[in-house]
């Protein structure tokens, strides 16, 4: 956090970490309440939140593939079966 008022978050370093990307995707799914997020939708995706390229985020999610997400030309799908699994932070905890 910066010492300025109003406060603002500042990311140090060139790109967000893997746990941050996974957490951002998990939160987006919870906010939307659905398992499929199409590219055409107007959403606050991790590349918007972290001000980085969409390709960077997709590459990281693909490299980190733990069967959490399925990515295709139409969007991204979360693979955890139950909403409770998203809420307990299982995905992020496994990366910490």
PDB file of N, CA and C in Angstrom:
ATOM      1  N   UNK A   1       0.847  -1.162   0.000  1.00  0.00           N
ATOM      2  CA  UNK A   1       0.000   0.000   0.000  1.00  0.00           C
ATOM      3  C   UNK A   1       0.894   1.226   0.000  1.00  0.00           C
ATOM      4  N   UNK A   2       0.459   2.210  -0.709  1.00  0.00           N
ATOM      5  CA  UNK A   2       1.196   3.466  -0.711  1.00  0.00           C
ATOM      6  C   UNK A   2       0.817   4.259   0.532  1.00  0.00           C
ATOM      7  N   UNK A   3       1.646   5.211   0.898  1.00  0.00           N
ATOM      8  CA  UNK A   3       1.358   6.039   2.053  1.00  0.00           C
ATOM      9  C   UNK A   3       0.475   7.224   1.716  1.00  0.00           C
ATOM     10  N   UNK A   4       0.034   7.296   0.481  1.00  0.00           N
ATOM     11  CA  UNK A   4      -0.768   8.431   0.016  1.00  0.00           C
ATOM     12  C   UNK A   4      -2.220   8.287   0.446  1.00  0.00           C
ATOM     13  N   UNK A   5      -2.942   9.379   0.354  1.00  0.00           N
ATOM     14  CA  UNK A   5      -4.390   9.372   0.566  1.00  0.00           C
ATOM     15  C   UNK A   5      -5.042   9.847  -0.711  1.00  0.00           C
ATOM     16  N   UNK A   6      -6.041   9.253  -1.259  1.00  0.00           N
ATOM     17  CA  UNK A   6      -6.557   7.957  -0.831  1.00  0.00           C
ATOM     18  C   UNK A   6      -5.523   6.863  -1.079  1.00  0.00           C
ATOM     19  N   UNK A   7      -5.625   5.815  -0.299  1.00  0.00           N
ATOM     20  CA  UNK A   7      -4.678   4.713  -0.420  1.00  0.00           C
ATOM     21  C   UNK A   7      -4.858   4.000  -1.743  1.00  0.00           C
ATOM     22  N   UNK A   8      -3.776   3.467  -2.222  1.00  0.00           N
ATOM     23  CA  UNK A   8      -3.848   2.680  -3.450  1.00  0.00           C
ATOM     24  C   UNK A   8      -2.856   1.537  -3.346  1.00  0.00           C
ATOM     25  N   UNK A   9      -3.203   0.441  -3.982  1.00  0.00           N
ATOM     26  CA  UNK A   9      -2.341  -0.726  -4.003  1.00  0.00           C
ATOM     27  C   UNK A   9      -1.333  -0.571  -5.119  1.00  0.00           C
ATOM     28  N   UNK A  10      -0.103  -0.931  -4.850  1.00  0.00           N
ATOM     29  CA  UNK A  10       0.947  -0.854  -5.858  1.00  0.00           C
ATOM     30  C   UNK A  10       1.607  -2.219  -5.944  1.00  0.00           C
ATOM     31  N   UNK A  11       1.690  -2.763  -7.136  1.00  0.00           N
ATOM     32  CA  UNK A  11       2.356  -4.055  -7.328  1.00  0.00           C
ATOM     33  C   UNK A  11       3.819  -3.801  -7.623  1.00  0.00           C
ATOM     34  N   UNK A  12       4.679  -4.444  -6.872  1.00  0.00           N
ATOM     35  CA  UNK A  12       6.114  -4.328  -7.125  1.00  0.00           C
ATOM     36  C   UNK A  12       6.532  -5.505  -7.993  1.00  0.00           C
ATOM     37  N   UNK A  13       7.347  -5.227  -8.969  1.00  0.00           N
ATOM     38  CA  UNK A  13       7.795  -6.282  -9.866  1.00  0.00           C
ATOM     39  C   UNK A  13       7.081  -6.188 -11.200  1.00  0.00           C
ATOM     40  N   UNK A  14       7.563  -6.971 -12.141  1.00  0.00           N
ATOM     41  CA  UNK A  14       7.056  -6.886 -13.499  1.00  0.00           C
ATOM     42  C   UNK A  14       5.705  -7.532 -13.742  1.00  0.00           C
ATOM     43  N   UNK A  15       5.470  -8.674 -13.120  1.00  0.00           N
ATOM     44  CA  UNK A  15       4.239  -9.423 -13.382  1.00  0.00           C
ATOM     45  C   UNK A  15       3.683  -9.966 -12.069  1.00  0.00           C
ATOM     46  N   UNK A  16       2.379 -10.215 -12.009  1.00  0.00           N
ATOM     47  CA  UNK A  16       1.793 -10.804 -10.799  1.00  0.00           C
ATOM     48  C   UNK A  16       2.247 -12.252 -10.614  1.00  0.00           C
ATOM     49  N   UNK A  17       2.275 -12.696  -9.376  1.00  0.00           N
ATOM     50  CA  UNK A  17       2.648 -14.072  -9.067  1.00  0.00           C
ATOM     51  C   UNK A  17       1.541 -15.054  -9.417  1.00  0.00           C
ATOM     52  N   UNK A  18       1.910 -16.311  -9.467  1.00  0.00           N
ATOM     53  CA  UNK A  18       0.963 -17.362  -9.840  1.00  0.00           C
ATOM     54  C   UNK A  18      -0.211 -17.458  -8.869  1.00  0.00           C
ATOM     55  N   UNK A  19       0.074 -17.400  -7.573  1.00  0.00           N
ATOM     56  CA  UNK A  19      -1.007 -17.486  -6.582  1.00  0.00           C
ATOM     57  C   UNK A  19      -1.976 -16.319  -6.734  1.00  0.00           C
ATOM     58  N   UNK A  20      -1.453 -15.136  -7.060  1.00  0.00           N
ATOM     59  CA  UNK A  20      -2.314 -13.962  -7.250  1.00  0.00           C
ATOM     60  C   UNK A  20      -3.224 -14.147  -8.460  1.00  0.00           C
ATOM     61  N   UNK A  21      -2.698 -14.706  -9.536  1.00  0.00           N
ATOM     62  CA  UNK A  21      -3.512 -14.944 -10.735  1.00  0.00           C
ATOM     63  C   UNK A  21      -4.617 -15.958 -10.455  1.00  0.00           C
ATOM     64  N   UNK A  22      -4.257 -17.033  -9.780  1.00  0.00           N
ATOM     65  CA  UNK A  22      -5.251 -18.057  -9.467  1.00  0.00           C
ATOM     66  C   UNK A  22      -6.322 -17.496  -8.539  1.00  0.00           C
ATOM     67  N   UNK A  23      -5.893 -16.739  -7.540  1.00  0.00           N
ATOM     68  CA  UNK A  23      -6.849 -16.130  -6.612  1.00  0.00           C
ATOM     69  C   UNK A  23      -7.786 -15.173  -7.349  1.00  0.00           C
ATOM     70  N   UNK A  24      -7.254 -14.373  -8.262  1.00  0.00           N
ATOM     71  CA  UNK A  24      -8.085 -13.431  -9.018  1.00  0.00           C
ATOM     72  C   UNK A  24      -9.114 -14.169  -9.869  1.00  0.00           C
ATOM     73  N   UNK A  25      -8.714 -15.268 -10.504  1.00  0.00           N
ATOM     74  CA  UNK A  25      -9.667 -16.058 -11.294  1.00  0.00           C
ATOM     75  C   UNK A  25     -10.732 -16.666 -10.388  1.00  0.00           C
ATOM     76  N   UNK A  26     -10.303 -17.190  -9.255  1.00  0.00           N
ATOM     77  CA  UNK A  26     -11.238 -17.792  -8.304  1.00  0.00           C
ATOM     78  C   UNK A  26     -12.263 -16.762  -7.836  1.00  0.00           C
ATOM     79  N   UNK A  27     -11.821 -15.561  -7.498  1.00  0.00           N
ATOM     80  CA  UNK A  27     -12.723 -14.496  -7.042  1.00  0.00           C
ATOM     81  C   UNK A  27     -13.676 -14.066  -8.153  1.00  0.00           C
ATOM     82  N   UNK A  28     -13.187 -14.032  -9.382  1.00  0.00           N
ATOM     83  CA  UNK A  28     -14.037 -13.663 -10.511  1.00  0.00           C
ATOM     84  C   UNK A  28     -15.160 -14.684 -10.688  1.00  0.00           C
ATOM     85  N   UNK A  29     -14.831 -15.968 -10.579  1.00  0.00           N
ATOM     86  CA  UNK A  29     -15.860 -17.003 -10.663  1.00  0.00           C
ATOM     87  C   UNK A  29     -16.892 -16.851  -9.559  1.00  0.00           C
ATOM     88  N   UNK A  30     -16.439 -16.596  -8.340  1.00  0.00           N
ATOM     89  CA  UNK A  30     -17.376 -16.411  -7.226  1.00  0.00           C
ATOM     90  C   UNK A  30     -18.279 -15.212  -7.464  1.00  0.00           C
ATOM     91  N   UNK A  31     -17.701 -14.133  -7.954  1.00  0.00           N
ATOM     92  CA  UNK A  31     -18.478 -12.915  -8.220  1.00  0.00           C
ATOM     93  C   UNK A  31     -19.532 -13.164  -9.291  1.00  0.00           C
ATOM     94  N   UNK A  32     -19.172 -13.892 -10.331  1.00  0.00           N
ATOM     95  CA  UNK A  32     -20.082 -14.133 -11.448  1.00  0.00           C
ATOM     96  C   UNK A  32     -21.085 -15.249 -11.160  1.00  0.00           C
ATOM     97  N   UNK A  33     -20.738 -16.171 -10.280  1.00  0.00           N
ATOM     98  CA  UNK A  33     -21.656 -17.252  -9.930  1.00  0.00           C
ATOM     99  C   UNK A  33     -21.889 -18.262 -11.034  1.00  0.00           C
ATOM    100  N   UNK A  34     -20.923 -18.413 -11.903  1.00  0.00           N
ATOM    101  CA  UNK A  34     -21.042 -19.405 -12.980  1.00  0.00           C
ATOM    102  C   UNK A  34     -19.677 -20.031 -13.237  1.00  0.00           C
ATOM    103  N   UNK A  35     -19.670 -21.182 -13.887  1.00  0.00           N
ATOM    104  CA  UNK A  35     -18.414 -21.892 -14.105  1.00  0.00           C
ATOM    105  C   UNK A  35     -17.752 -21.560 -15.432  1.00  0.00           C
ATOM    106  N   UNK A  36     -18.445 -20.900 -16.319  1.00  0.00           N
ATOM    107  CA  UNK A  36     -17.910 -20.567 -17.644  1.00  0.00           C
ATOM    108  C   UNK A  36     -17.842 -19.055 -17.792  1.00  0.00           C
ATOM    109  N   UNK A  37     -16.663 -18.543 -18.146  1.00  0.00           N
ATOM    110  CA  UNK A  37     -16.488 -17.109 -18.383  1.00  0.00           C
ATOM    111  C   UNK A  37     -16.064 -16.907 -19.832  1.00  0.00           C
ATOM    112  N   UNK A  38     -16.975 -16.405 -20.661  1.00  0.00           N
ATOM    113  CA  UNK A  38     -16.643 -16.207 -22.078  1.00  0.00           C
ATOM    114  C   UNK A  38     -15.751 -14.982 -22.275  1.00  0.00           C
ATOM    115  N   UNK A  39     -14.890 -15.043 -23.289  1.00  0.00           N
ATOM    116  CA  UNK A  39     -14.010 -13.904 -23.600  1.00  0.00           C
ATOM    117  C   UNK A  39     -14.818 -12.674 -23.972  1.00  0.00           C
ATOM    118  N   UNK A  40     -15.976 -12.865 -24.573  1.00  0.00           N
ATOM    119  CA  UNK A  40     -16.777 -11.733 -25.048  1.00  0.00           C
ATOM    120  C   UNK A  40     -17.465 -10.975 -23.913  1.00  0.00           C
ATOM    121  N   UNK A  41     -17.504 -11.536 -22.713  1.00  0.00           N
ATOM    122  CA  UNK A  41     -18.182 -10.882 -21.586  1.00  0.00           C
ATOM    123  C   UNK A  41     -17.355  -9.702 -21.068  1.00  0.00           C
ATOM    124  N   UNK A  42     -18.037  -8.719 -20.534  1.00  0.00           N
ATOM    125  CA  UNK A  42     -17.387  -7.539 -19.964  1.00  0.00           C
ATOM    126  C   UNK A  42     -17.099  -7.816 -18.489  1.00  0.00           C
ATOM    127  N   UNK A  43     -15.928  -8.404 -18.207  1.00  0.00           N
ATOM    128  CA  UNK A  43     -15.582  -8.841 -16.859  1.00  0.00           C
ATOM    129  C   UNK A  43     -14.275  -8.199 -16.397  1.00  0.00           C
ATOM    130  N   UNK A  44     -14.094  -8.138 -15.090  1.00  0.00           N
ATOM    131  CA  UNK A  44     -12.837  -7.646 -14.532  1.00  0.00           C
ATOM    132  C   UNK A  44     -11.899  -8.838 -14.375  1.00  0.00           C
ATOM    133  N   UNK A  45     -11.278  -9.205 -15.473  1.00  0.00           N
ATOM    134  CA  UNK A  45     -10.391 -10.363 -15.509  1.00  0.00           C
ATOM    135  C   UNK A  45      -9.035 -10.023 -14.901  1.00  0.00           C
ATOM    136  N   UNK A  46      -8.231 -11.041 -14.545  1.00  0.00           N
ATOM    137  CA  UNK A  46      -6.934 -10.774 -13.922  1.00  0.00           C
ATOM    138  C   UNK A  46      -6.026  -9.848 -14.724  1.00  0.00           C
ATOM    139  N   UNK A  47      -6.079  -9.902 -16.048  1.00  0.00           N
ATOM    140  CA  UNK A  47      -5.215  -9.018 -16.836  1.00  0.00           C
ATOM    141  C   UNK A  47      -5.633  -7.563 -16.698  1.00  0.00           C
ATOM    142  N   UNK A  48      -6.903  -7.328 -16.375  1.00  0.00           N
ATOM    143  CA  UNK A  48      -7.373  -5.964 -16.099  1.00  0.00           C
ATOM    144  C   UNK A  48      -6.943  -5.558 -14.690  1.00  0.00           C
ATOM    145  N   UNK A  49      -7.156  -6.442 -13.729  1.00  0.00           N
ATOM    146  CA  UNK A  49      -6.816  -6.168 -12.332  1.00  0.00           C
ATOM    147  C   UNK A  49      -5.327  -5.873 -12.179  1.00  0.00           C
ATOM    148  N   UNK A  50      -4.483  -6.684 -12.816  1.00  0.00           N
ATOM    149  CA  UNK A  50      -3.039  -6.566 -12.644  1.00  0.00           C
ATOM    150  C   UNK A  50      -2.356  -5.750 -13.736  1.00  0.00           C
ATOM    151  N   UNK A  51      -3.139  -5.226 -14.670  1.00  0.00           N
ATOM    152  CA  UNK A  51      -2.592  -4.418 -15.758  1.00  0.00           C
ATOM    153  C   UNK A  51      -1.454  -5.148 -16.473  1.00  0.00           C
ATOM    154  N   UNK A  52      -1.768  -6.359 -16.926  1.00  0.00           N
ATOM    155  CA  UNK A  52      -0.813  -7.135 -17.705  1.00  0.00           C
ATOM    156  C   UNK A  52      -1.561  -7.711 -18.907  1.00  0.00           C
ATOM    157  N   UNK A  53      -0.854  -8.369 -19.779  1.00  0.00           N
ATOM    158  CA  UNK A  53      -1.500  -8.865 -20.993  1.00  0.00           C
ATOM    159  C   UNK A  53      -2.338 -10.119 -20.708  1.00  0.00           C
ATOM    160  N   UNK A  54      -3.415 -10.249 -21.462  1.00  0.00           N
ATOM    161  CA  UNK A  54      -4.259 -11.436 -21.345  1.00  0.00           C
ATOM    162  C   UNK A  54      -3.449 -12.679 -21.689  1.00  0.00           C
ATOM    163  N   UNK A  55      -2.574 -12.554 -22.678  1.00  0.00           N
ATOM    164  CA  UNK A  55      -1.765 -13.697 -23.089  1.00  0.00           C
ATOM    165  C   UNK A  55      -0.850 -14.171 -21.958  1.00  0.00           C
ATOM    166  N   UNK A  56      -0.289 -13.229 -21.192  1.00  0.00           N
ATOM    167  CA  UNK A  56       0.551 -13.606 -20.050  1.00  0.00           C
ATOM    168  C   UNK A  56      -0.249 -14.447 -19.057  1.00  0.00           C
ATOM    169  N   UNK A  57      -1.446 -13.993 -18.711  1.00  0.00           N
ATOM    170  CA  UNK A  57      -2.288 -14.715 -17.748  1.00  0.00           C
ATOM    171  C   UNK A  57      -2.643 -16.100 -18.285  1.00  0.00           C
ATOM    172  N   UNK A  58      -3.055 -16.171 -19.534  1.00  0.00           N
ATOM    173  CA  UNK A  58      -3.433 -17.466 -20.113  1.00  0.00           C
ATOM    174  C   UNK A  58      -2.242 -18.413 -20.176  1.00  0.00           C
ATOM    175  N   UNK A  59      -1.070 -17.878 -20.520  1.00  0.00           N
ATOM    176  CA  UNK A  59       0.134 -18.716 -20.541  1.00  0.00           C
ATOM    177  C   UNK A  59       0.436 -19.270 -19.151  1.00  0.00           C
ATOM    178  N   UNK A  60       0.340 -18.429 -18.127  1.00  0.00           N
ATOM    179  CA  UNK A  60       0.617 -18.879 -16.761  1.00  0.00           C
ATOM    180  C   UNK A  60      -0.406 -19.928 -16.323  1.00  0.00           C
ATOM    181  N   UNK A  61      -1.668 -19.698 -16.596  1.00  0.00           N
ATOM    182  CA  UNK A  61      -2.696 -20.668 -16.205  1.00  0.00           C
ATOM    183  C   UNK A  61      -2.495 -21.995 -16.922  1.00  0.00           C
ATOM    184  N   UNK A  62      -2.044 -21.937 -18.164  1.00  0.00           N
ATOM    185  CA  UNK A  62      -1.787 -23.153 -18.933  1.00  0.00           C
ATOM    186  C   UNK A  62      -0.578 -23.897 -18.375  1.00  0.00           C
ATOM    187  N   UNK A  63       0.497 -23.157 -18.071  1.00  0.00           N
ATOM    188  CA  UNK A  63       1.707 -23.766 -17.521  1.00  0.00           C
ATOM    189  C   UNK A  63       1.440 -24.375 -16.145  1.00  0.00           C
ATOM    190  N   UNK A  64       0.639 -23.697 -15.349  1.00  0.00           N
ATOM    191  CA  UNK A  64       0.336 -24.149 -13.990  1.00  0.00           C
ATOM    192  C   UNK A  64      -0.719 -25.240 -13.956  1.00  0.00           C
ATOM    193  N   UNK A  65      -1.166 -25.674 -15.093  1.00  0.00           N
ATOM    194  CA  UNK A  65      -2.319 -26.564 -15.215  1.00  0.00           C
ATOM    195  C   UNK A  65      -2.343 -27.641 -14.135  1.00  0.00           C
ATOM    196  N   UNK A  66      -3.290 -27.507 -13.248  1.00  0.00           N
ATOM    197  CA  UNK A  66      -3.543 -28.492 -12.201  1.00  0.00           C
ATOM    198  C   UNK A  66      -4.979 -28.996 -12.342  1.00  0.00           C
ATOM    199  N   UNK A  67      -5.495 -28.947 -13.542  1.00  0.00           N
ATOM    200  CA  UNK A  67      -6.887 -29.308 -13.815  1.00  0.00           C
ATOM    201  C   UNK A  67      -7.863 -28.386 -13.102  1.00  0.00           C
ATOM    202  N   UNK A  68      -7.450 -27.133 -12.839  1.00  0.00           N
ATOM    203  CA  UNK A  68      -8.339 -26.141 -12.246  1.00  0.00           C
ATOM    204  C   UNK A  68      -9.154 -25.432 -13.318  1.00  0.00           C
ATOM    205  N   UNK A  69      -8.534 -25.178 -14.477  1.00  0.00           N
ATOM    206  CA  UNK A  69      -9.171 -24.407 -15.536  1.00  0.00           C
ATOM    207  C   UNK A  69      -9.047 -25.125 -16.867  1.00  0.00           C
ATOM    208  N   UNK A  70     -10.056 -24.912 -17.722  1.00  0.00           N
ATOM    209  CA  UNK A  70      -9.984 -25.339 -19.120  1.00  0.00           C
ATOM    210  C   UNK A  70     -10.103 -24.076 -19.951  1.00  0.00           C
ATOM    211  N   UNK A  71      -9.139 -23.869 -20.826  1.00  0.00           N
ATOM    212  CA  UNK A  71      -9.089 -22.661 -21.643  1.00  0.00           C
ATOM    213  C   UNK A  71      -9.272 -23.062 -23.096  1.00  0.00           C
ATOM    214  N   UNK A  72     -10.174 -22.371 -23.787  1.00  0.00           N
ATOM    215  CA  UNK A  72     -10.360 -22.598 -25.216  1.00  0.00           C
ATOM    216  C   UNK A  72     -10.607 -21.269 -25.913  1.00  0.00           C
ATOM    217  N   UNK A  73     -10.935 -21.323 -27.187  1.00  0.00           N
ATOM    218  CA  UNK A  73     -11.095 -20.090 -27.972  1.00  0.00           C
ATOM    219  C   UNK A  73     -12.308 -19.258 -27.559  1.00  0.00           C
ATOM    220  N   UNK A  74     -13.224 -19.833 -26.787  1.00  0.00           N
ATOM    221  CA  UNK A  74     -14.438 -19.115 -26.394  1.00  0.00           C
ATOM    222  C   UNK A  74     -14.397 -18.554 -24.974  1.00  0.00           C
ATOM    223  N   UNK A  75     -13.510 -19.092 -24.138  1.00  0.00           N
ATOM    224  CA  UNK A  75     -13.446 -18.613 -22.764  1.00  0.00           C
ATOM    225  C   UNK A  75     -12.692 -19.566 -21.863  1.00  0.00           C
ATOM    226  N   UNK A  76     -12.921 -19.414 -20.581  1.00  0.00           N
ATOM    227  CA  UNK A  76     -12.259 -20.249 -19.578  1.00  0.00           C
ATOM    228  C   UNK A  76     -13.326 -20.834 -18.650  1.00  0.00           C
ATOM    229  N   UNK A  77     -13.139 -22.101 -18.286  1.00  0.00           N
ATOM    230  CA  UNK A  77     -14.080 -22.820 -17.433  1.00  0.00           C
ATOM    231  C   UNK A  77     -13.351 -23.287 -16.185  1.00  0.00           C
ATOM    232  N   UNK A  78     -13.966 -23.091 -15.030  1.00  0.00           N
ATOM    233  CA  UNK A  78     -13.389 -23.611 -13.788  1.00  0.00           C
ATOM    234  C   UNK A  78     -13.807 -25.063 -13.657  1.00  0.00           C
ATOM    235  N   UNK A  79     -12.905 -25.912 -13.200  1.00  0.00           N
ATOM    236  CA  UNK A  79     -13.171 -27.347 -13.174  1.00  0.00           C
ATOM    237  C   UNK A  79     -13.526 -27.891 -11.799  1.00  0.00           C
ATOM    238  N   UNK A  80     -13.420 -27.083 -10.751  1.00  0.00           N
ATOM    239  CA  UNK A  80     -13.828 -27.562  -9.434  1.00  0.00           C
ATOM    240  C   UNK A  80     -15.335 -27.739  -9.432  1.00  0.00           C
ATOM    241  N   UNK A  81     -15.784 -28.838  -8.902  1.00  0.00           N
ATOM    242  CA  UNK A  81     -17.196 -29.197  -9.007  1.00  0.00           C
ATOM    243  C   UNK A  81     -18.113 -28.350  -8.136  1.00  0.00           C
ATOM    244  N   UNK A  82     -17.700 -28.047  -6.939  1.00  0.00           N
ATOM    245  CA  UNK A  82     -18.584 -27.384  -5.985  1.00  0.00           C
ATOM    246  C   UNK A  82     -18.127 -25.968  -5.688  1.00  0.00           C
ATOM    247  N   UNK A  83     -19.085 -25.074  -5.564  1.00  0.00           N
ATOM    248  CA  UNK A  83     -18.774 -23.685  -5.232  1.00  0.00           C
ATOM    249  C   UNK A  83     -18.015 -23.594  -3.910  1.00  0.00           C
ATOM    250  N   UNK A  84     -18.293 -24.500  -2.978  1.00  0.00           N
ATOM    251  CA  UNK A  84     -17.607 -24.498  -1.687  1.00  0.00           C
ATOM    252  C   UNK A  84     -16.107 -24.698  -1.871  1.00  0.00           C
ATOM    253  N   UNK A  85     -15.721 -25.468  -2.894  1.00  0.00           N
ATOM    254  CA  UNK A  85     -14.301 -25.677  -3.162  1.00  0.00           C
ATOM    255  C   UNK A  85     -13.636 -24.366  -3.568  1.00  0.00           C
ATOM    256  N   UNK A  86     -14.364 -23.507  -4.281  1.00  0.00           N
ATOM    257  CA  UNK A  86     -13.799 -22.215  -4.688  1.00  0.00           C
ATOM    258  C   UNK A  86     -13.639 -21.329  -3.467  1.00  0.00           C
ATOM    259  N   UNK A  87     -14.661 -21.333  -2.607  1.00  0.00           N
ATOM    260  CA  UNK A  87     -14.689 -20.416  -1.477  1.00  0.00           C
ATOM    261  C   UNK A  87     -13.651 -20.738  -0.415  1.00  0.00           C
ATOM    262  N   UNK A  88     -13.283 -21.988  -0.271  1.00  0.00           N
ATOM    263  CA  UNK A  88     -12.332 -22.328   0.792  1.00  0.00           C
ATOM    264  C   UNK A  88     -10.902 -22.015   0.389  1.00  0.00           C
ATOM    265  N   UNK A  89     -10.673 -21.628  -0.845  1.00  0.00           N
ATOM    266  CA  UNK A  89      -9.339 -21.220  -1.269  1.00  0.00           C
ATOM    267  C   UNK A  89      -8.401 -22.371  -1.569  1.00  0.00           C
ATOM    268  N   UNK A  90      -8.946 -23.556  -1.856  1.00  0.00           N
ATOM    269  CA  UNK A  90      -8.099 -24.716  -2.130  1.00  0.00           C
ATOM    270  C   UNK A  90      -7.068 -24.450  -3.216  1.00  0.00           C
ATOM    271  N   UNK A  91      -7.476 -23.747  -4.267  1.00  0.00           N
ATOM    272  CA  UNK A  91      -6.554 -23.513  -5.372  1.00  0.00           C
ATOM    273  C   UNK A  91      -5.368 -22.677  -4.932  1.00  0.00           C
ATOM    274  N   UNK A  92      -5.626 -21.606  -4.211  1.00  0.00           N
ATOM    275  CA  UNK A  92      -4.553 -20.710  -3.791  1.00  0.00           C
ATOM    276  C   UNK A  92      -3.679 -21.373  -2.737  1.00  0.00           C
ATOM    277  N   UNK A  93      -4.284 -22.061  -1.790  1.00  0.00           N
ATOM    278  CA  UNK A  93      -3.522 -22.714  -0.725  1.00  0.00           C
ATOM    279  C   UNK A  93      -2.520 -23.697  -1.308  1.00  0.00           C
ATOM    280  N   UNK A  94      -2.895 -24.392  -2.359  1.00  0.00           N
ATOM    281  CA  UNK A  94      -1.989 -25.369  -2.952  1.00  0.00           C
ATOM    282  C   UNK A  94      -0.772 -24.715  -3.599  1.00  0.00           C
ATOM    283  N   UNK A  95      -0.844 -23.414  -3.897  1.00  0.00           N
ATOM    284  CA  UNK A  95       0.289 -22.718  -4.527  1.00  0.00           C
ATOM    285  C   UNK A  95       1.170 -21.993  -3.530  1.00  0.00           C
ATOM    286  N   UNK A  96       0.719 -21.869  -2.279  1.00  0.00           N
ATOM    287  CA  UNK A  96       1.505 -21.124  -1.281  1.00  0.00           C
ATOM    288  C   UNK A  96       2.525 -21.990  -0.590  1.00  0.00           C
TER     289      UNK A  96
END
